[in-house]
Amino acid sequence: MWMLSTKMLPPVGVLIPIYLIFRDVGLLDTKTGLVIVLTLINLPIIVWMLYTYFKEIPGEILEASRMDGASLRDEIIHVLTPMAVPGIASTLLLNVILAWNEAFWTLNLTAAKAAPLTAFIASYSSPEGLFYAKLSAASTMAIAPILILGWFSQKQLVRGLTFGAVK
């Protein structure tokens, strides 16, 4: 529950410390810094989802693998990971979707070198007014990849998200 409670903190509350840390370390306006921030803001959801998936795997299967002489490494690689593939895949897809939709951090921590599509879309809102045609085209470009990814992986996403829901 503590991991999920960190998601409740408004991003504005930690913007200045993160901005100053990134500026001092040299991660400001870099793709590496953006990946680090987007991964860390989605980490509570990732941990929560993966914990649920791995908790649902029956302990008897792990006991059987130990009886067959499997080491801890073999259990993780050959038993746990294949059984949790739907959960890992749905967690990965959800993380990609959440990172793709994140505009606050990308607008505040990037300028020119690592600016993603959200910064490009925000550039069409200027003091002269809104450029609706360009804004619509850029928004369609931003939505299309996630829409296509979600459409092709819909079965896997639903299967993974409902894996731990029924007892």
N, C-alpha and C. Protein backbone atom coordinates (compact mmCIF):
# COMPACT_ATOMS: atom_id res chain seq x y z
N MET A 1 0.82 -1.19 0.00
CA MET A 1 0.00 0.00 0.00
C MET A 1 0.87 1.26 0.00
N TRP A 2 2.03 1.17 0.64
CA TRP A 2 2.93 2.32 0.67
C TRP A 2 3.39 2.68 -0.73
N MET A 3 3.67 1.65 -1.54
CA MET A 3 4.12 1.91 -2.92
C MET A 3 3.06 2.69 -3.70
N LEU A 4 1.81 2.30 -3.55
CA LEU A 4 0.74 3.00 -4.28
C LEU A 4 0.49 4.39 -3.72
N SER A 5 0.72 4.59 -2.44
CA SER A 5 0.48 5.92 -1.86
C SER A 5 1.45 6.95 -2.42
N THR A 6 2.61 6.52 -2.90
CA THR A 6 3.53 7.49 -3.51
C THR A 6 2.99 8.04 -4.81
N LYS A 7 2.06 7.34 -5.44
CA LYS A 7 1.43 7.81 -6.67
C LYS A 7 0.43 8.94 -6.40
N MET A 8 0.02 9.09 -5.12
CA MET A 8 -0.95 10.11 -4.76
C MET A 8 -0.33 11.49 -4.58
N LEU A 9 0.96 11.57 -4.49
CA LEU A 9 1.64 12.85 -4.33
C LEU A 9 1.57 13.64 -5.64
N PRO A 10 1.14 14.88 -5.60
CA PRO A 10 1.10 15.66 -6.83
C PRO A 10 2.51 15.87 -7.39
N PRO A 11 2.69 15.70 -8.68
CA PRO A 11 4.02 15.85 -9.27
C PRO A 11 4.63 17.23 -9.04
N VAL A 12 3.79 18.25 -8.93
CA VAL A 12 4.29 19.61 -8.71
C VAL A 12 5.04 19.70 -7.39
N GLY A 13 4.67 18.86 -6.42
CA GLY A 13 5.31 18.88 -5.11
C GLY A 13 6.78 18.48 -5.13
N VAL A 14 7.19 17.71 -6.13
CA VAL A 14 8.58 17.27 -6.21
C VAL A 14 9.28 17.77 -7.47
N LEU A 15 8.64 18.67 -8.20
CA LEU A 15 9.24 19.17 -9.45
C LEU A 15 10.55 19.92 -9.21
N ILE A 16 10.56 20.83 -8.28
CA ILE A 16 11.76 21.65 -8.07
C ILE A 16 12.94 20.81 -7.58
N PRO A 17 12.77 19.92 -6.57
CA PRO A 17 13.93 19.10 -6.18
C PRO A 17 14.44 18.21 -7.33
N ILE A 18 13.54 17.60 -8.08
CA ILE A 18 13.97 16.74 -9.18
C ILE A 18 14.64 17.58 -10.26
N TYR A 19 14.10 18.75 -10.54
CA TYR A 19 14.71 19.63 -11.53
C TYR A 19 16.14 20.02 -11.12
N LEU A 20 16.30 20.38 -9.84
CA LEU A 20 17.64 20.78 -9.36
C LEU A 20 18.61 19.60 -9.37
N ILE A 21 18.14 18.40 -9.00
CA ILE A 21 19.00 17.21 -9.03
C ILE A 21 19.41 16.91 -10.46
N PHE A 22 18.47 16.94 -11.38
CA PHE A 22 18.78 16.66 -12.79
C PHE A 22 19.72 17.70 -13.37
N ARG A 23 19.55 18.96 -12.97
CA ARG A 23 20.44 20.01 -13.46
C ARG A 23 21.87 19.80 -12.95
N ASP A 24 22.00 19.46 -11.67
CA ASP A 24 23.33 19.28 -11.08
C ASP A 24 24.02 18.02 -11.60
N VAL A 25 23.27 16.97 -11.84
CA VAL A 25 23.85 15.70 -12.31
C VAL A 25 24.10 15.73 -13.81
N GLY A 26 23.41 16.59 -14.53
CA GLY A 26 23.58 16.67 -15.98
C GLY A 26 22.57 15.85 -16.75
N LEU A 27 21.46 15.50 -16.12
CA LEU A 27 20.42 14.72 -16.80
C LEU A 27 19.30 15.57 -17.36
N LEU A 28 19.37 16.88 -17.16
CA LEU A 28 18.32 17.77 -17.65
C LEU A 28 18.37 17.81 -19.17
N ASP A 29 17.24 17.65 -19.81
CA ASP A 29 17.09 17.66 -21.27
C ASP A 29 17.88 16.54 -21.94
N THR A 30 17.87 15.36 -21.32
CA THR A 30 18.48 14.17 -21.93
C THR A 30 17.44 13.05 -21.95
N LYS A 31 17.60 12.16 -22.91
CA LYS A 31 16.68 11.02 -23.00
C LYS A 31 16.84 10.08 -21.81
N THR A 32 18.07 9.95 -21.32
CA THR A 32 18.31 9.10 -20.15
C THR A 32 17.56 9.62 -18.93
N GLY A 33 17.62 10.91 -18.70
CA GLY A 33 16.91 11.51 -17.57
C GLY A 33 15.41 11.33 -17.70
N LEU A 34 14.90 11.46 -18.91
CA LEU A 34 13.47 11.29 -19.14
C LEU A 34 13.03 9.85 -18.89
N VAL A 35 13.85 8.90 -19.32
CA VAL A 35 13.54 7.48 -19.09
C VAL A 35 13.55 7.19 -17.59
N ILE A 36 14.51 7.73 -16.87
CA ILE A 36 14.60 7.52 -15.42
C ILE A 36 13.35 8.06 -14.72
N VAL A 37 12.94 9.28 -15.04
CA VAL A 37 11.77 9.87 -14.39
C VAL A 37 10.51 9.11 -14.73
N LEU A 38 10.32 8.77 -16.00
CA LEU A 38 9.10 8.08 -16.40
C LEU A 38 9.03 6.67 -15.81
N THR A 39 10.18 6.03 -15.64
CA THR A 39 10.19 4.72 -15.00
C THR A 39 9.88 4.84 -13.51
N LEU A 40 10.47 5.82 -12.85
CA LEU A 40 10.26 5.97 -11.41
C LEU A 40 8.84 6.39 -11.05
N ILE A 41 8.19 7.19 -11.90
CA ILE A 41 6.82 7.59 -11.55
C ILE A 41 5.84 6.44 -11.75
N ASN A 42 6.18 5.49 -12.61
CA ASN A 42 5.31 4.32 -12.82
C ASN A 42 5.72 3.11 -12.00
N LEU A 43 6.81 3.22 -11.27
CA LEU A 43 7.32 2.10 -10.48
C LEU A 43 6.32 1.56 -9.45
N PRO A 44 5.56 2.39 -8.73
CA PRO A 44 4.60 1.83 -7.77
C PRO A 44 3.57 0.92 -8.43
N ILE A 45 3.07 1.30 -9.58
CA ILE A 45 2.09 0.48 -10.28
C ILE A 45 2.73 -0.80 -10.79
N ILE A 46 3.96 -0.71 -11.28
CA ILE A 46 4.67 -1.89 -11.78
C ILE A 46 4.89 -2.89 -10.64
N VAL A 47 5.35 -2.41 -9.51
CA VAL A 47 5.60 -3.30 -8.37
C VAL A 47 4.31 -3.92 -7.88
N TRP A 48 3.25 -3.14 -7.78
CA TRP A 48 1.97 -3.63 -7.32
C TRP A 48 1.42 -4.71 -8.25
N MET A 49 1.46 -4.47 -9.55
CA MET A 49 0.93 -5.45 -10.51
C MET A 49 1.76 -6.72 -10.52
N LEU A 50 3.08 -6.59 -10.57
CA LEU A 50 3.92 -7.79 -10.62
C LEU A 50 3.84 -8.58 -9.31
N TYR A 51 3.73 -7.91 -8.20
CA TYR A 51 3.57 -8.60 -6.92
C TYR A 51 2.31 -9.46 -6.95
N THR A 52 1.23 -8.90 -7.48
CA THR A 52 -0.03 -9.62 -7.57
C THR A 52 0.11 -10.86 -8.46
N TYR A 53 0.79 -10.72 -9.59
CA TYR A 53 0.92 -11.86 -10.51
C TYR A 53 1.77 -12.96 -9.90
N PHE A 54 2.89 -12.60 -9.33
CA PHE A 54 3.77 -13.61 -8.76
C PHE A 54 3.17 -14.26 -7.51
N LYS A 55 2.33 -13.51 -6.78
CA LYS A 55 1.69 -14.06 -5.59
C LYS A 55 0.64 -15.11 -5.96
N GLU A 56 0.05 -14.98 -7.14
CA GLU A 56 -0.99 -15.92 -7.59
C GLU A 56 -0.42 -17.25 -8.08
N ILE A 57 0.88 -17.35 -8.29
CA ILE A 57 1.48 -18.60 -8.74
C ILE A 57 1.48 -19.58 -7.57
N PRO A 58 0.94 -20.78 -7.77
CA PRO A 58 0.84 -21.74 -6.65
C PRO A 58 2.21 -22.15 -6.12
N GLY A 59 2.32 -22.23 -4.80
CA GLY A 59 3.56 -22.62 -4.15
C GLY A 59 3.93 -24.08 -4.40
N GLU A 60 2.93 -24.90 -4.72
CA GLU A 60 3.19 -26.32 -4.98
C GLU A 60 4.07 -26.51 -6.20
N ILE A 61 3.93 -25.62 -7.16
CA ILE A 61 4.76 -25.72 -8.37
C ILE A 61 6.22 -25.44 -8.03
N LEU A 62 6.45 -24.48 -7.17
CA LEU A 62 7.82 -24.17 -6.75
C LEU A 62 8.39 -25.32 -5.90
N GLU A 63 7.55 -25.91 -5.06
CA GLU A 63 8.00 -27.05 -4.26
C GLU A 63 8.37 -28.22 -5.16
N ALA A 64 7.57 -28.45 -6.19
CA ALA A 64 7.86 -29.55 -7.12
C ALA A 64 9.17 -29.31 -7.86
N SER A 65 9.43 -28.05 -8.23
CA SER A 65 10.70 -27.76 -8.92
C SER A 65 11.89 -27.94 -7.97
N ARG A 66 11.70 -27.59 -6.68
CA ARG A 66 12.77 -27.81 -5.71
C ARG A 66 13.03 -29.31 -5.51
N MET A 67 11.95 -30.09 -5.51
CA MET A 67 12.09 -31.55 -5.35
C MET A 67 12.83 -32.16 -6.55
N ASP A 68 12.68 -31.51 -7.71
CA ASP A 68 13.37 -31.99 -8.91
C ASP A 68 14.81 -31.51 -8.97
N GLY A 69 15.23 -30.72 -7.99
CA GLY A 69 16.62 -30.29 -7.91
C GLY A 69 16.91 -28.94 -8.54
N ALA A 70 15.89 -28.13 -8.74
CA ALA A 70 16.11 -26.82 -9.35
C ALA A 70 16.67 -25.84 -8.31
N SER A 71 17.63 -25.06 -8.75
CA SER A 71 18.17 -24.01 -7.88
C SER A 71 17.23 -22.81 -7.91
N LEU A 72 17.52 -21.80 -7.10
CA LEU A 72 16.70 -20.60 -7.07
C LEU A 72 16.70 -19.91 -8.43
N ARG A 73 17.87 -19.87 -9.05
CA ARG A 73 17.99 -19.27 -10.40
C ARG A 73 17.14 -20.03 -11.41
N ASP A 74 17.19 -21.36 -11.36
CA ASP A 74 16.38 -22.18 -12.28
C ASP A 74 14.88 -21.98 -12.02
N GLU A 75 14.51 -21.86 -10.76
CA GLU A 75 13.10 -21.62 -10.44
C GLU A 75 12.62 -20.31 -11.06
N ILE A 76 13.42 -19.28 -10.91
CA ILE A 76 13.03 -17.97 -11.44
C ILE A 76 12.96 -17.99 -12.95
N ILE A 77 14.00 -18.54 -13.60
CA ILE A 77 14.07 -18.48 -15.06
C ILE A 77 13.13 -19.49 -15.73
N HIS A 78 13.08 -20.70 -15.23
CA HIS A 78 12.36 -21.77 -15.93
C HIS A 78 10.95 -22.05 -15.40
N VAL A 79 10.64 -21.58 -14.20
CA VAL A 79 9.32 -21.87 -13.65
C VAL A 79 8.49 -20.58 -13.48
N LEU A 80 9.00 -19.62 -12.71
CA LEU A 80 8.24 -18.41 -12.42
C LEU A 80 8.02 -17.52 -13.64
N THR A 81 9.09 -17.25 -14.37
CA THR A 81 8.98 -16.33 -15.50
C THR A 81 8.00 -16.82 -16.57
N PRO A 82 8.08 -18.07 -17.04
CA PRO A 82 7.09 -18.51 -18.04
C PRO A 82 5.65 -18.46 -17.55
N MET A 83 5.43 -18.71 -16.26
CA MET A 83 4.07 -18.67 -15.73
C MET A 83 3.55 -17.24 -15.59
N ALA A 84 4.44 -16.28 -15.46
CA ALA A 84 4.03 -14.89 -15.25
C ALA A 84 4.11 -14.06 -16.52
N VAL A 85 4.31 -14.68 -17.67
CA VAL A 85 4.43 -13.93 -18.93
C VAL A 85 3.22 -13.04 -19.19
N PRO A 86 1.96 -13.49 -19.01
CA PRO A 86 0.84 -12.57 -19.22
C PRO A 86 0.90 -11.35 -18.30
N GLY A 87 1.26 -11.56 -17.05
CA GLY A 87 1.35 -10.44 -16.12
C GLY A 87 2.48 -9.49 -16.46
N ILE A 88 3.62 -10.04 -16.86
CA ILE A 88 4.76 -9.20 -17.24
C ILE A 88 4.43 -8.41 -18.49
N ALA A 89 3.78 -9.06 -19.46
CA ALA A 89 3.43 -8.38 -20.71
C ALA A 89 2.41 -7.26 -20.47
N SER A 90 1.39 -7.53 -19.67
CA SER A 90 0.40 -6.49 -19.42
C SER A 90 0.99 -5.35 -18.60
N THR A 91 1.89 -5.66 -17.69
CA THR A 91 2.56 -4.60 -16.92
C THR A 91 3.43 -3.74 -17.83
N LEU A 92 4.14 -4.38 -18.75
CA LEU A 92 4.97 -3.65 -19.70
C LEU A 92 4.11 -2.76 -20.59
N LEU A 93 3.01 -3.29 -21.10
CA LEU A 93 2.12 -2.49 -21.95
C LEU A 93 1.53 -1.31 -21.20
N LEU A 94 1.09 -1.55 -19.98
CA LEU A 94 0.53 -0.46 -19.19
C LEU A 94 1.59 0.60 -18.88
N ASN A 95 2.81 0.17 -18.61
CA ASN A 95 3.90 1.12 -18.35
C ASN A 95 4.19 1.96 -19.59
N VAL A 96 4.20 1.33 -20.75
CA VAL A 96 4.43 2.08 -22.00
C VAL A 96 3.32 3.09 -22.23
N ILE A 97 2.08 2.68 -22.00
CA ILE A 97 0.95 3.59 -22.20
C ILE A 97 1.00 4.76 -21.22
N LEU A 98 1.29 4.48 -19.97
CA LEU A 98 1.37 5.55 -18.96
C LEU A 98 2.53 6.50 -19.24
N ALA A 99 3.66 5.96 -19.66
CA ALA A 99 4.81 6.81 -19.98
C ALA A 99 4.55 7.64 -21.24
N TRP A 100 3.85 7.05 -22.19
CA TRP A 100 3.55 7.74 -23.45
C TRP A 100 2.62 8.93 -23.19
N ASN A 101 1.70 8.77 -22.25
CA ASN A 101 0.71 9.81 -21.97
C ASN A 101 1.21 10.88 -21.01
N GLU A 102 2.37 10.72 -20.46
CA GLU A 102 2.89 11.66 -19.46
C GLU A 102 3.34 12.95 -20.14
N ALA A 103 2.72 14.04 -19.77
CA ALA A 103 3.09 15.32 -20.36
C ALA A 103 3.79 16.24 -19.36
N PHE A 104 3.44 16.13 -18.08
CA PHE A 104 3.97 17.07 -17.08
C PHE A 104 5.49 17.02 -17.01
N TRP A 105 6.04 15.82 -16.81
CA TRP A 105 7.49 15.71 -16.66
C TRP A 105 8.22 16.00 -17.97
N THR A 106 7.65 15.57 -19.07
CA THR A 106 8.33 15.80 -20.34
C THR A 106 8.38 17.28 -20.70
N LEU A 107 7.36 18.01 -20.34
CA LEU A 107 7.36 19.45 -20.63
C LEU A 107 8.28 20.22 -19.71
N ASN A 108 8.44 19.76 -18.47
CA ASN A 108 9.25 20.50 -17.50
C ASN A 108 10.72 20.10 -17.47
N LEU A 109 11.05 18.90 -17.93
CA LEU A 109 12.45 18.45 -17.85
C LEU A 109 13.15 18.41 -19.21
N THR A 110 12.47 18.78 -20.27
CA THR A 110 13.11 18.78 -21.58
C THR A 110 12.92 20.13 -22.25
N ALA A 111 13.80 20.42 -23.16
CA ALA A 111 13.69 21.67 -23.91
C ALA A 111 13.78 21.41 -25.41
N ALA A 112 14.94 20.96 -25.87
CA ALA A 112 15.12 20.76 -27.31
C ALA A 112 15.71 19.40 -27.65
N LYS A 113 16.68 18.97 -26.88
CA LYS A 113 17.42 17.75 -27.22
C LYS A 113 16.60 16.48 -27.04
N ALA A 114 15.81 16.39 -25.99
CA ALA A 114 15.07 15.16 -25.68
C ALA A 114 13.57 15.37 -25.67
N ALA A 115 13.10 16.41 -26.34
CA ALA A 115 11.68 16.73 -26.31
C ALA A 115 10.86 15.66 -27.03
N PRO A 116 9.91 15.04 -26.34
CA PRO A 116 9.06 14.04 -26.97
C PRO A 116 7.88 14.68 -27.70
N LEU A 117 6.96 13.87 -28.12
CA LEU A 117 5.82 14.33 -28.90
C LEU A 117 4.92 15.27 -28.10
N THR A 118 4.84 15.09 -26.79
CA THR A 118 4.00 15.98 -25.98
C THR A 118 4.51 17.41 -26.00
N ALA A 119 5.82 17.59 -26.02
CA ALA A 119 6.39 18.94 -26.11
C ALA A 119 6.13 19.53 -27.49
N PHE A 120 6.15 18.68 -28.50
CA PHE A 120 5.85 19.12 -29.87
C PHE A 120 4.40 19.60 -29.96
N ILE A 121 3.49 18.87 -29.34
CA ILE A 121 2.08 19.25 -29.35
C ILE A 121 1.87 20.55 -28.58
N ALA A 122 2.55 20.68 -27.45
CA ALA A 122 2.40 21.90 -26.64
C ALA A 122 2.93 23.13 -27.37
N SER A 123 3.82 22.95 -28.34
CA SER A 123 4.37 24.10 -29.06
C SER A 123 3.33 24.76 -29.96
N TYR A 124 2.23 24.07 -30.26
CA TYR A 124 1.18 24.66 -31.11
C TYR A 124 0.21 25.52 -30.32
N SER A 125 0.41 25.64 -29.05
CA SER A 125 -0.36 26.56 -28.23
C SER A 125 0.55 27.74 -27.92
N SER A 126 0.28 28.85 -28.54
CA SER A 126 1.14 30.02 -28.40
C SER A 126 0.31 31.25 -28.03
N PRO A 127 0.97 32.35 -27.66
CA PRO A 127 0.21 33.57 -27.33
C PRO A 127 -0.60 34.11 -28.50
N GLU A 128 -0.20 33.74 -29.73
CA GLU A 128 -0.96 34.20 -30.90
C GLU A 128 -2.27 33.44 -31.06
N GLY A 129 -2.38 32.31 -30.39
CA GLY A 129 -3.61 31.51 -30.47
C GLY A 129 -3.29 30.04 -30.67
N LEU A 130 -4.35 29.28 -30.83
CA LEU A 130 -4.19 27.85 -31.05
C LEU A 130 -4.23 27.56 -32.55
N PHE A 131 -3.34 26.72 -33.01
CA PHE A 131 -3.33 26.29 -34.40
C PHE A 131 -4.04 24.94 -34.46
N TYR A 132 -5.36 24.99 -34.66
CA TYR A 132 -6.19 23.79 -34.52
C TYR A 132 -5.83 22.69 -35.51
N ALA A 133 -5.54 23.03 -36.75
CA ALA A 133 -5.23 22.00 -37.75
C ALA A 133 -3.94 21.28 -37.38
N LYS A 134 -2.91 22.03 -37.05
CA LYS A 134 -1.64 21.43 -36.67
C LYS A 134 -1.77 20.66 -35.35
N LEU A 135 -2.53 21.22 -34.42
CA LEU A 135 -2.75 20.57 -33.13
C LEU A 135 -3.49 19.25 -33.31
N SER A 136 -4.47 19.22 -34.19
CA SER A 136 -5.21 17.99 -34.46
C SER A 136 -4.33 16.94 -35.12
N ALA A 137 -3.52 17.35 -36.08
CA ALA A 137 -2.63 16.41 -36.76
C ALA A 137 -1.59 15.84 -35.79
N ALA A 138 -1.01 16.68 -34.96
CA ALA A 138 -0.01 16.22 -33.99
C ALA A 138 -0.64 15.31 -32.94
N SER A 139 -1.86 15.63 -32.52
CA SER A 139 -2.55 14.78 -31.54
C SER A 139 -2.88 13.41 -32.13
N THR A 140 -3.26 13.39 -33.39
CA THR A 140 -3.51 12.11 -34.06
C THR A 140 -2.23 11.29 -34.16
N MET A 141 -1.11 11.95 -34.45
CA MET A 141 0.17 11.25 -34.49
C MET A 141 0.53 10.69 -33.11
N ALA A 142 0.16 11.39 -32.06
CA ALA A 142 0.48 10.93 -30.71
C ALA A 142 -0.41 9.78 -30.28
N ILE A 143 -1.65 9.78 -30.73
CA ILE A 143 -2.59 8.75 -30.31
C ILE A 143 -2.42 7.46 -31.11
N ALA A 144 -2.08 7.57 -32.38
CA ALA A 144 -2.06 6.42 -33.29
C ALA A 144 -1.18 5.25 -32.81
N PRO A 145 0.08 5.46 -32.40
CA PRO A 145 0.89 4.30 -32.00
C PRO A 145 0.32 3.54 -30.80
N ILE A 146 -0.17 4.25 -29.81
CA ILE A 146 -0.72 3.59 -28.63
C ILE A 146 -2.04 2.90 -28.97
N LEU A 147 -2.82 3.52 -29.83
CA LEU A 147 -4.08 2.91 -30.26
C LEU A 147 -3.81 1.60 -31.01
N ILE A 148 -2.85 1.60 -31.90
CA ILE A 148 -2.50 0.39 -32.66
C ILE A 148 -1.91 -0.67 -31.72
N LEU A 149 -1.02 -0.27 -30.83
CA LEU A 149 -0.44 -1.20 -29.87
C LEU A 149 -1.51 -1.81 -28.97
N GLY A 150 -2.42 -1.01 -28.49
CA GLY A 150 -3.51 -1.51 -27.66
C GLY A 150 -4.45 -2.42 -28.42
N TRP A 151 -4.68 -2.12 -29.68
CA TRP A 151 -5.58 -2.94 -30.49
C TRP A 151 -4.98 -4.33 -30.72
N PHE A 152 -3.70 -4.38 -31.04
CA PHE A 152 -3.05 -5.66 -31.30
C PHE A 152 -2.82 -6.48 -30.02
N SER A 153 -2.68 -5.81 -28.92
CA SER A 153 -2.38 -6.52 -27.67
C SER A 153 -3.55 -6.54 -26.70
N GLN A 154 -4.75 -6.29 -27.19
CA GLN A 154 -5.92 -6.21 -26.34
C GLN A 154 -6.18 -7.50 -25.57
N LYS A 155 -6.08 -8.63 -26.23
CA LYS A 155 -6.34 -9.92 -25.58
C LYS A 155 -5.33 -10.15 -24.46
N GLN A 156 -4.05 -9.89 -24.75
CA GLN A 156 -2.99 -10.09 -23.76
C GLN A 156 -3.15 -9.12 -22.59
N LEU A 157 -3.52 -7.89 -22.89
CA LEU A 157 -3.68 -6.88 -21.85
C LEU A 157 -4.85 -7.23 -20.91
N VAL A 158 -5.98 -7.64 -21.46
CA VAL A 158 -7.12 -8.00 -20.64
C VAL A 158 -6.81 -9.25 -19.82
N ARG A 159 -6.15 -10.23 -20.42
CA ARG A 159 -5.80 -11.46 -19.71
C ARG A 159 -4.86 -11.16 -18.55
N GLY A 160 -3.87 -10.32 -18.79
CA GLY A 160 -2.93 -9.98 -17.73
C GLY A 160 -3.51 -9.13 -16.63
N LEU A 161 -4.40 -8.19 -16.98
CA LEU A 161 -4.99 -7.32 -15.98
C LEU A 161 -6.00 -8.03 -15.11
N THR A 162 -6.63 -9.09 -15.62
CA THR A 162 -7.63 -9.82 -14.82
C THR A 162 -7.05 -11.09 -14.21
N PHE A 163 -5.76 -11.31 -14.31
CA PHE A 163 -5.15 -12.54 -13.84
C PHE A 163 -5.35 -12.76 -12.35
N GLY A 164 -5.15 -11.75 -11.54
CA GLY A 164 -5.26 -11.93 -10.09
C GLY A 164 -6.57 -11.48 -9.51
N ALA A 165 -7.58 -11.20 -10.37
CA ALA A 165 -8.82 -10.61 -9.90
C ALA A 165 -9.78 -11.63 -9.28
N VAL A 166 -9.77 -12.87 -9.73
CA VAL A 166 -10.76 -13.84 -9.28
C VAL A 166 -10.09 -14.86 -8.36
N LYS A 167 -10.70 -15.11 -7.24
CA LYS A 167 -10.17 -16.10 -6.30
C LYS A 167 -10.86 -17.41 -6.52
